[in-house]
Each structure stands twice: as C-alpha cells, then as structure tokens.
Amino acid sequence: MKLDQSLSAYLDLLRFTAASAVLLGHMEQDGLYMRWLPLSWFSHEAVMIFFVMSGFIIYSSTVRSARTWADYAAARLSRVYSVALPAVAFSVGLGLLVGLGGEFDTQRLSNYRDFSAWDVASSLLFLNEVDGNKAEVVLNDPYWSLCYEVWYYVLFGLFLFLRGWRRGLCLVLGVIVAGPAVLALFPVWVLGALLAAHADGEGRLQPVWAWLAYLGSLALIVGVNVSGLDHAIRIYLHDHIPGFWRLGASQRLVTDYLIGLAVVLHILSFSGLNPGFRRFFGQLAPLAKYLAGFSFTLYLFHRPMTQLAGYAFPNSELSIAHSLAWMSAILLACLLISYGTERQLGAWRAFFVSGLRKLPVFSGRP
C-alpha cells in the first residue's frame, strides 16, 4: 500500500463521511428525522473509523517524521484544544442558557445536566471516561470518544519517547488512570498505527482480490449493523460478566474489533483497485481536503445544535425537506465555526510551542 494523492483524498473523504454519519445519527435521535438516509444508521461504526484513522495519522505524522517529544506534544495539544476548548465553551454556554432561560423542559434533552465546575475541568483534562468518573460535557455526549483518543495519544507518546524503567512506570500509571473502558478500544486505534507502519510498501493486492476486500469490508460493516449482532453480543456479555457495564461506551468491543479490522482491510485494498477508480479520487483531492478540514469541528459542535433544533423544531411530519434544511444549516454553521478552530491550527500551535519552551524539561525545538 502506498499513501499517494488518491489514497490521501479517499481518506479525507472517509473522515468527512464518518463525521457526517455521526451528525445524521444524532439528528435522527433528536427528532429531526434522518433514518430515511442509510448513512444515519452507522454513527457508532463511524467512531471506529475515526479511531483507526487516528492511529494511522498519529503514527504517520510522528514516527515517520522523526518528531521529538516536544513536536509530538505541541502537535497533539494544538490539534485537540483548537476544537475541544471552543466546543466545551460552546456547550457550556448553551447549557447555561437552557438552564437559566426557563423556556426548556430539560427532561426532554437527552444530554442536559446542570452546570458543574468539575464537568468543565474534567472535560478539558479528558478525564470523563476514566473509571468511576461521571463527568460529561453538557449537551455534547460525542465528546466521549475524544477523551478516549487523547489517552491513546498519551500512551503512544509514553511508549515512543520514553526508555527503560521510566517508560514502564509511566505506561503502568497511564493504564491505571485511563481505566478499562478506554483501554478496551485501544486495539482499534493500534490497528490504524500498524497500518501506517506499512503505508510505504510497494506491494498491493491484485485487482480481483482488492475489489473483494474493498467490497467485503463494507459488507462486513453493514452486516454487523443490520443484523443486530453488536447489540446481541453486548447484551450477552452484560448478562454473563459481572461488572461488564463498567465498560460504558466500549461494551460493543467484540464487534468493534471486527469493524476496526474491516476498516483496515478497506483502506489496505484501495491501492489495488483499478487505476481509473483511484484517479477519480485523486482529482477530488482539493475538495476532499476542504471537507476533511472541518470534520473535527463538525463532530464536536453538532450535538448541541441537533438537540436544541429537535426540541424547538421537531420534524413531526417526517418531512425530508425539513431534515435536509437542518442538515444543511448545521453543516454550514460548523463549517463557519471551523475558521476559528481547526483552520487556525497554526496559531494554536504557536501558542502551545511558546508554553512548552517555558518548561524546565524542554529541550530542542518543537
């Protein structure tokens, strides 16, 4: 597999499609009627796509670029906080307006909770999914997966940049703090990193096998979803393993591993597909990059919007025009917001580089 322009464009489109699937799934949950569009059925599977791609991107940008620990810290802090900090502020601000306004029946909002300073602090430290911690971002439950990812960044960084007993000790401490729920899906992230480790290989599948792998991986993901296998296994394990519920969002780990493998196979097969098919995506590279450039913002900002829109303007008539209008409005809003978040990554990075320079242990230039 070779990471050329066509594959890069395909991965960008895959990232935007996954973010859109999460948006559509939450629109359906919040009363805006999106089940007529099959992509809305795959919001959970989309998160597994994010995990695989996160491992792929972090490995590629760190190991293969010979970055230092300071490079790594600056890159990860700026990337995460450029969207997470504004998203938490946005969610908390809307939550306060909802709670103080008196015009909302907060019981009808699935992810509303009264303001808590600990919720804010925990969210900004990405501790929400640590075992025993009940903190959440008000109106913004998709934030859970970012808390998972940040701990994957931490564990990967400790493994990569430390040596000897320090590596072992810090990894043990990191594992203890992260807890079982976060660790349960770490293998999905690692799959992406392993894929990146072989991204420059010249070998590729023959077209027939590549198409079988490409379509077969999609069939596996669809099959897991429509069969209900994921829920059946989760319920069985929940009923037969004491404390299984403590895994929280990771309770579908068995089928999540299957989906992770399917995503890896899907990406791996792309380089063996017909040249004309691959060139088509290469021609879409500028558009794909632009759309992917606000996928993180879309993921972390959409849920407060869908909840309040569904509350105030429910699609009770199941109108496709109604749902398309709200989908377009939320996409546009998130696109505009991205010009102050992830599209300002350089400014965020400069801020964190400046802070890292003040650390006594800092050495080298990030």
Protein backbone atom coordinates (compact mmCIF):
# COMPACT_ATOMS: atom_id res chain seq x y z
CA MET A 1 0.00 0.00 0.00
CA LYS A 2 1.29 3.43 -0.93
CA LEU A 3 -0.02 6.67 0.54
CA ASP A 4 -0.34 8.66 -2.69
CA GLN A 5 -2.62 11.56 -3.59
CA SER A 6 -5.58 9.36 -4.46
CA LEU A 7 -5.45 7.43 -1.18
CA SER A 8 -4.97 10.63 0.82
CA ALA A 9 -8.04 12.11 -0.86
CA TYR A 10 -10.00 8.94 -0.20
CA LEU A 11 -9.07 9.04 3.49
CA ASP A 12 -10.11 12.69 3.68
CA LEU A 13 -13.50 11.83 2.18
CA LEU A 14 -13.81 8.87 4.54
CA ARG A 15 -13.15 11.15 7.52
CA PHE A 16 -15.79 13.65 6.41
CA THR A 17 -18.28 10.86 5.66
CA ALA A 18 -17.76 9.42 9.14
CA ALA A 19 -18.36 12.81 10.76
CA SER A 20 -21.49 13.23 8.65
CA ALA A 21 -22.75 9.80 9.72
CA VAL A 22 -22.49 10.85 13.36
CA LEU A 23 -24.35 14.09 12.61
CA LEU A 24 -27.15 12.27 10.79
CA GLY A 25 -27.46 9.64 13.51
CA HIS A 26 -27.89 12.29 16.17
CA MET A 27 -30.36 14.22 14.04
CA GLU A 28 -32.48 11.07 13.98
CA GLN A 29 -32.15 10.60 17.74
CA ASP A 30 -33.09 14.22 18.38
CA GLY A 31 -36.31 14.22 16.37
CA LEU A 32 -35.13 15.68 13.08
CA TYR A 33 -35.90 12.50 11.08
CA MET A 34 -32.90 11.15 9.23
CA ARG A 35 -33.48 7.41 9.16
CA TRP A 36 -34.53 7.68 5.51
CA LEU A 37 -30.82 8.21 4.76
CA PRO A 38 -28.93 4.93 5.44
CA LEU A 39 -25.73 6.73 6.42
CA SER A 40 -27.51 7.78 9.63
CA TRP A 41 -27.59 4.13 10.75
CA PHE A 42 -23.81 3.96 11.10
CA SER A 43 -22.94 6.60 13.69
CA HIS A 44 -21.24 4.13 16.06
CA GLU A 45 -19.31 2.45 13.26
CA ALA A 46 -18.15 5.92 12.21
CA VAL A 47 -16.41 6.33 15.56
CA MET A 48 -14.42 3.15 14.90
CA ILE A 49 -13.38 4.67 11.57
CA PHE A 50 -12.14 7.71 13.49
CA PHE A 51 -10.13 5.52 15.86
CA VAL A 52 -8.44 3.61 13.04
CA MET A 53 -7.69 6.80 11.12
CA SER A 54 -6.42 8.49 14.28
CA GLY A 55 -3.90 5.71 14.85
CA PHE A 56 -2.92 5.86 11.18
CA ILE A 57 -2.42 9.64 11.17
CA ILE A 58 -0.63 9.87 14.52
CA TYR A 59 1.82 7.13 13.61
CA SER A 60 2.46 8.62 10.17
CA SER A 61 2.98 12.17 11.43
CA THR A 62 5.12 11.16 14.40
CA VAL A 63 7.20 8.04 13.77
CA ARG A 64 7.73 8.53 10.07
CA SER A 65 8.63 12.20 10.51
CA ALA A 66 11.17 11.56 13.30
CA ARG A 67 9.49 14.06 15.63
CA THR A 68 10.74 14.80 19.15
CA TRP A 69 8.57 14.60 22.26
CA ALA A 70 8.13 18.38 22.06
CA ASP A 71 6.96 18.18 18.45
CA TYR A 72 4.53 15.49 19.46
CA ALA A 73 3.18 17.40 22.45
CA ALA A 74 2.77 20.65 20.52
CA ALA A 75 1.06 18.90 17.60
CA ARG A 76 -1.36 16.96 19.73
CA LEU A 77 -2.20 19.79 22.15
CA SER A 78 -2.84 22.28 19.35
CA ARG A 79 -4.88 19.83 17.28
CA VAL A 80 -7.06 18.75 20.18
CA TYR A 81 -7.56 22.03 22.02
CA SER A 82 -8.13 24.06 18.84
CA VAL A 83 -11.55 22.41 18.70
CA ALA A 84 -12.11 20.93 22.17
CA LEU A 85 -11.73 24.18 24.09
CA PRO A 86 -14.20 26.17 21.94
CA ALA A 87 -16.56 23.16 21.83
CA VAL A 88 -16.68 22.87 25.62
CA ALA A 89 -17.22 26.63 25.93
CA PHE A 90 -19.98 26.49 23.30
CA SER A 91 -21.72 23.57 25.00
CA VAL A 92 -21.48 25.04 28.49
CA GLY A 93 -22.73 28.40 27.24
CA LEU A 94 -25.78 26.83 25.59
CA GLY A 95 -26.34 24.68 28.66
CA LEU A 96 -26.43 27.74 30.89
CA LEU A 97 -28.87 29.50 28.55
CA VAL A 98 -31.12 26.44 28.53
CA GLY A 99 -30.99 26.03 32.30
CA LEU A 100 -31.49 29.67 33.17
CA GLY A 101 -33.95 30.58 30.44
CA GLY A 102 -36.86 28.65 31.90
CA GLU A 103 -38.32 28.02 28.43
CA PHE A 104 -36.96 24.49 28.03
CA ASP A 105 -38.15 21.28 29.61
CA THR A 106 -34.67 19.96 30.27
CA GLN A 107 -36.02 16.45 30.86
CA ARG A 108 -36.61 16.24 27.11
CA LEU A 109 -32.95 16.90 26.35
CA SER A 110 -31.08 13.60 26.46
CA ASN A 111 -27.72 15.07 27.42
CA TYR A 112 -28.61 18.04 29.63
CA ARG A 113 -27.19 18.44 33.12
CA ASP A 114 -26.84 21.38 35.48
CA PHE A 115 -23.60 23.34 35.38
CA SER A 116 -20.70 21.81 37.25
CA ALA A 117 -17.19 23.20 37.50
CA TRP A 118 -15.91 19.63 37.73
CA ASP A 119 -17.63 18.74 34.45
CA VAL A 120 -15.72 21.56 32.76
CA ALA A 121 -12.37 20.75 34.38
CA SER A 122 -12.72 17.02 33.76
CA SER A 123 -13.68 17.59 30.14
CA LEU A 124 -10.71 19.86 29.46
CA LEU A 125 -8.41 17.27 31.06
CA PHE A 126 -10.15 14.46 29.11
CA LEU A 127 -10.95 12.50 32.26
CA ASN A 128 -14.65 11.98 31.53
CA GLU A 129 -14.29 8.31 30.62
CA VAL A 130 -11.92 7.41 33.46
CA ASP A 131 -13.36 4.60 35.57
CA GLY A 132 -15.72 5.94 38.23
CA ASN A 133 -15.86 9.49 36.86
CA LYS A 134 -19.37 10.62 35.94
CA ALA A 135 -18.44 13.95 34.35
CA GLU A 136 -19.86 14.92 30.95
CA VAL A 137 -19.97 17.87 28.60
CA VAL A 138 -23.48 19.28 28.77
CA LEU A 139 -25.49 18.70 25.56
CA ASN A 140 -22.45 17.10 23.91
CA ASP A 141 -22.15 13.37 24.55
CA PRO A 142 -19.99 12.68 21.42
CA TYR A 143 -17.12 14.15 23.46
CA TRP A 144 -16.60 10.69 25.00
CA SER A 145 -14.62 9.45 22.00
CA LEU A 146 -12.21 12.39 22.13
CA CYS A 147 -11.49 11.51 25.76
CA TYR A 148 -10.61 8.01 24.55
CA GLU A 149 -8.37 9.30 21.78
CA VAL A 150 -6.43 11.69 23.98
CA TRP A 151 -5.47 8.82 26.28
CA TYR A 152 -4.36 6.84 23.24
CA TYR A 153 -2.13 9.78 22.31
CA VAL A 154 -0.72 9.79 25.84
CA LEU A 155 0.01 6.06 25.91
CA PHE A 156 1.53 6.10 22.42
CA GLY A 157 3.71 9.09 23.31
CA LEU A 158 4.94 7.47 26.52
CA PHE A 159 5.81 4.30 24.63
CA LEU A 160 7.56 6.14 21.82
CA PHE A 161 9.58 8.77 23.65
CA LEU A 162 10.50 7.19 26.99
CA ARG A 163 13.01 4.43 27.60
CA GLY A 164 13.80 1.86 30.27
CA TRP A 165 12.11 1.90 33.66
CA ARG A 166 10.61 5.34 33.05
CA ARG A 167 8.68 4.01 30.09
CA GLY A 168 7.40 1.02 32.06
CA LEU A 169 6.43 3.06 35.12
CA CYS A 170 4.68 5.81 33.16
CA LEU A 171 2.83 3.32 30.98
CA VAL A 172 1.56 1.47 34.05
CA LEU A 173 0.40 4.75 35.59
CA GLY A 174 -1.22 5.78 32.30
CA VAL A 175 -3.05 2.47 32.03
CA ILE A 176 -4.31 2.76 35.61
CA VAL A 177 -5.62 6.29 35.08
CA ALA A 178 -7.16 5.62 31.67
CA GLY A 179 -9.09 2.63 33.00
CA PRO A 180 -10.71 -0.40 31.40
CA ALA A 181 -13.32 1.36 29.25
CA VAL A 182 -10.74 3.48 27.44
CA LEU A 183 -8.26 0.61 27.12
CA ALA A 184 -10.89 -1.76 25.73
CA LEU A 185 -10.93 0.03 22.37
CA PHE A 186 -7.22 0.84 22.25
CA PRO A 187 -6.62 -2.15 19.93
CA VAL A 188 -8.81 -0.47 17.30
CA TRP A 189 -6.56 2.60 17.41
CA VAL A 190 -3.45 0.40 17.31
CA LEU A 191 -4.75 -1.25 14.13
CA GLY A 192 -4.54 2.13 12.42
CA ALA A 193 -0.98 2.64 13.66
CA LEU A 194 0.03 -0.80 12.39
CA LEU A 195 -1.48 0.01 9.01
CA ALA A 196 0.55 3.23 8.85
CA ALA A 197 3.71 1.29 9.66
CA HIS A 198 3.35 -0.44 6.29
CA ALA A 199 2.00 2.52 4.32
CA ASP A 200 5.08 2.89 2.11
CA GLY A 201 5.21 -0.70 0.94
CA GLU A 202 5.15 -1.25 -2.80
CA GLY A 203 3.12 -4.44 -2.56
CA ARG A 204 -0.55 -4.31 -3.44
CA LEU A 205 -3.39 -6.74 -3.94
CA GLN A 206 -4.32 -7.90 -7.42
CA PRO A 207 -7.43 -6.04 -8.67
CA VAL A 208 -9.77 -9.01 -8.21
CA TRP A 209 -8.67 -9.59 -4.63
CA ALA A 210 -8.58 -5.86 -3.96
CA TRP A 211 -12.21 -5.47 -5.04
CA LEU A 212 -13.22 -8.47 -2.95
CA ALA A 213 -11.51 -6.94 0.08
CA TYR A 214 -12.87 -3.46 -0.65
CA LEU A 215 -16.49 -4.57 -1.03
CA GLY A 216 -16.24 -7.37 1.52
CA SER A 217 -15.11 -4.97 4.23
CA LEU A 218 -18.11 -2.74 3.53
CA ALA A 219 -20.39 -5.78 3.60
CA LEU A 220 -19.00 -6.80 6.98
CA ILE A 221 -19.66 -3.37 8.48
CA VAL A 222 -23.18 -3.27 7.06
CA GLY A 223 -23.84 -6.85 8.14
CA VAL A 224 -22.83 -6.21 11.75
CA ASN A 225 -25.10 -3.18 11.85
CA VAL A 226 -28.27 -4.51 10.22
CA SER A 227 -28.07 -7.95 11.85
CA GLY A 228 -28.01 -6.51 15.36
CA LEU A 229 -25.05 -8.76 16.15
CA ASP A 230 -23.30 -5.97 18.04
CA HIS A 231 -26.21 -5.49 20.42
CA ALA A 232 -26.78 -9.24 20.82
CA ILE A 233 -23.17 -9.85 21.87
CA ARG A 234 -23.18 -6.80 24.14
CA ILE A 235 -26.33 -7.98 25.92
CA TYR A 236 -24.95 -11.50 26.32
CA LEU A 237 -21.68 -10.27 27.82
CA HIS A 238 -23.53 -7.79 30.01
CA ASP A 239 -25.69 -10.58 31.42
CA HIS A 240 -22.85 -13.07 31.96
CA ILE A 241 -19.84 -10.98 33.05
CA PRO A 242 -20.13 -9.17 36.40
CA GLY A 243 -19.26 -5.50 36.09
CA PHE A 244 -19.28 -5.56 32.29
CA TRP A 245 -21.42 -2.42 32.37
CA ARG A 246 -18.38 -0.51 33.61
CA LEU A 247 -17.01 -0.58 30.07
CA GLY A 248 -19.58 2.07 29.16
CA ALA A 249 -19.23 3.07 25.51
CA SER A 250 -16.88 0.11 24.94
CA GLN A 251 -19.45 -2.61 25.59
CA ARG A 252 -19.62 -3.44 21.88
CA LEU A 253 -15.89 -4.16 21.85
CA VAL A 254 -16.18 -7.57 20.15
CA THR A 255 -17.87 -6.24 17.04
CA ASP A 256 -15.89 -3.01 17.29
CA TYR A 257 -12.74 -5.07 16.75
CA LEU A 258 -14.36 -6.62 13.68
CA ILE A 259 -15.26 -3.20 12.36
CA GLY A 260 -11.74 -1.95 13.03
CA LEU A 261 -10.30 -4.86 11.05
CA ALA A 262 -12.79 -4.18 8.25
CA VAL A 263 -11.73 -0.52 8.09
CA VAL A 264 -8.07 -1.53 7.89
CA LEU A 265 -8.85 -4.04 5.13
CA HIS A 266 -10.88 -1.41 3.29
CA ILE A 267 -8.03 1.10 3.31
CA LEU A 268 -5.43 -1.55 2.51
CA SER A 269 -7.37 -2.70 -0.54
CA PHE A 270 -7.62 0.75 -2.11
CA SER A 271 -4.17 0.74 -3.72
CA GLY A 272 -5.01 -2.44 -5.64
CA LEU A 273 -8.18 -1.11 -7.24
CA ASN A 274 -8.38 -0.08 -10.89
CA PRO A 275 -6.19 2.97 -11.72
CA GLY A 276 -9.16 4.85 -13.18
CA PHE A 277 -11.15 4.41 -9.97
CA ARG A 278 -8.23 5.66 -7.89
CA ARG A 279 -7.55 8.60 -10.21
CA PHE A 280 -11.13 9.75 -9.75
CA PHE A 281 -10.47 10.32 -6.05
CA GLY A 282 -7.13 11.92 -6.81
CA GLN A 283 -8.97 14.53 -8.88
CA LEU A 284 -11.19 15.24 -5.87
CA ALA A 285 -8.19 15.93 -3.61
CA PRO A 286 -8.78 19.70 -3.12
CA LEU A 287 -12.47 19.21 -2.31
CA ALA A 288 -11.73 16.23 -0.06
CA LYS A 289 -9.12 18.19 1.88
CA TYR A 290 -11.50 21.12 2.30
CA LEU A 291 -14.31 18.92 3.63
CA ALA A 292 -11.99 17.00 5.95
CA GLY A 293 -10.76 20.36 7.21
CA PHE A 294 -13.90 20.87 9.26
CA SER A 295 -14.76 17.27 10.16
CA PHE A 296 -13.36 17.59 13.71
CA THR A 297 -15.38 20.76 14.30
CA LEU A 298 -18.47 19.07 12.85
CA TYR A 299 -18.01 16.16 15.23
CA LEU A 300 -17.61 18.24 18.40
CA PHE A 301 -20.11 21.03 17.69
CA HIS A 302 -23.11 19.36 16.06
CA ARG A 303 -24.82 17.67 19.02
CA PRO A 304 -25.86 20.78 20.97
CA MET A 305 -27.33 22.07 17.70
CA THR A 306 -29.27 18.90 16.89
CA GLN A 307 -30.67 18.64 20.42
CA LEU A 308 -31.93 22.21 20.54
CA ALA A 309 -33.16 22.16 16.92
CA GLY A 310 -35.01 18.90 17.52
CA TYR A 311 -36.56 20.32 20.68
CA ALA A 312 -37.68 23.62 19.15
CA PHE A 313 -38.46 22.44 15.61
CA PRO A 314 -39.23 18.70 15.72
CA ASN A 315 -39.78 17.05 12.38
CA SER A 316 -43.10 15.55 13.44
CA GLU A 317 -44.35 15.33 9.84
CA LEU A 318 -41.29 13.28 8.80
CA SER A 319 -40.50 15.79 6.08
CA ILE A 320 -37.35 15.09 4.08
CA ALA A 321 -37.17 18.77 3.12
CA HIS A 322 -37.24 19.69 6.81
CA SER A 323 -34.43 17.27 7.65
CA LEU A 324 -32.33 18.38 4.67
CA ALA A 325 -32.74 22.02 5.65
CA TRP A 326 -31.48 21.36 9.18
CA MET A 327 -28.67 19.16 7.94
CA SER A 328 -27.52 21.94 5.61
CA ALA A 329 -27.83 24.58 8.32
CA ILE A 330 -25.77 22.59 10.82
CA LEU A 331 -23.12 21.72 8.25
CA LEU A 332 -22.82 25.38 7.27
CA ALA A 333 -22.66 26.50 10.90
CA CYS A 334 -19.88 24.02 11.67
CA LEU A 335 -18.00 24.99 8.51
CA LEU A 336 -18.04 28.65 9.56
CA ILE A 337 -17.00 27.78 13.12
CA SER A 338 -14.05 25.79 11.78
CA TYR A 339 -12.45 29.02 10.55
CA GLY A 340 -11.89 29.88 14.20
CA THR A 341 -10.96 26.38 15.33
CA GLU A 342 -9.06 23.76 13.32
CA ARG A 343 -8.44 26.08 10.37
CA GLN A 344 -6.43 28.28 12.77
CA LEU A 345 -4.18 25.39 13.73
CA GLY A 346 -1.01 27.40 13.14
CA ALA A 347 -1.98 30.00 15.73
CA TRP A 348 -2.92 27.32 18.24
CA ARG A 349 0.36 25.52 17.65
CA ALA A 350 2.36 28.72 18.17
CA PHE A 351 0.59 29.21 21.49
CA PHE A 352 1.49 25.74 22.73
CA VAL A 353 5.06 25.92 21.41
CA SER A 354 5.50 29.11 23.41
CA GLY A 355 4.23 27.36 26.52
CA LEU A 356 6.43 24.31 26.02
CA ARG A 357 9.52 26.49 25.77
CA LYS A 358 8.95 27.57 29.36
CA LEU A 359 9.05 24.02 30.72
CA PRO A 360 12.31 23.17 32.56
CA VAL A 361 12.45 19.76 30.89
CA PHE A 362 12.10 21.22 27.42
CA SER A 363 14.93 20.56 25.01
CA GLY A 364 15.03 21.01 21.29
CA ARG A 365 12.66 22.97 19.13
CA PRO A 366 9.08 21.71 18.53
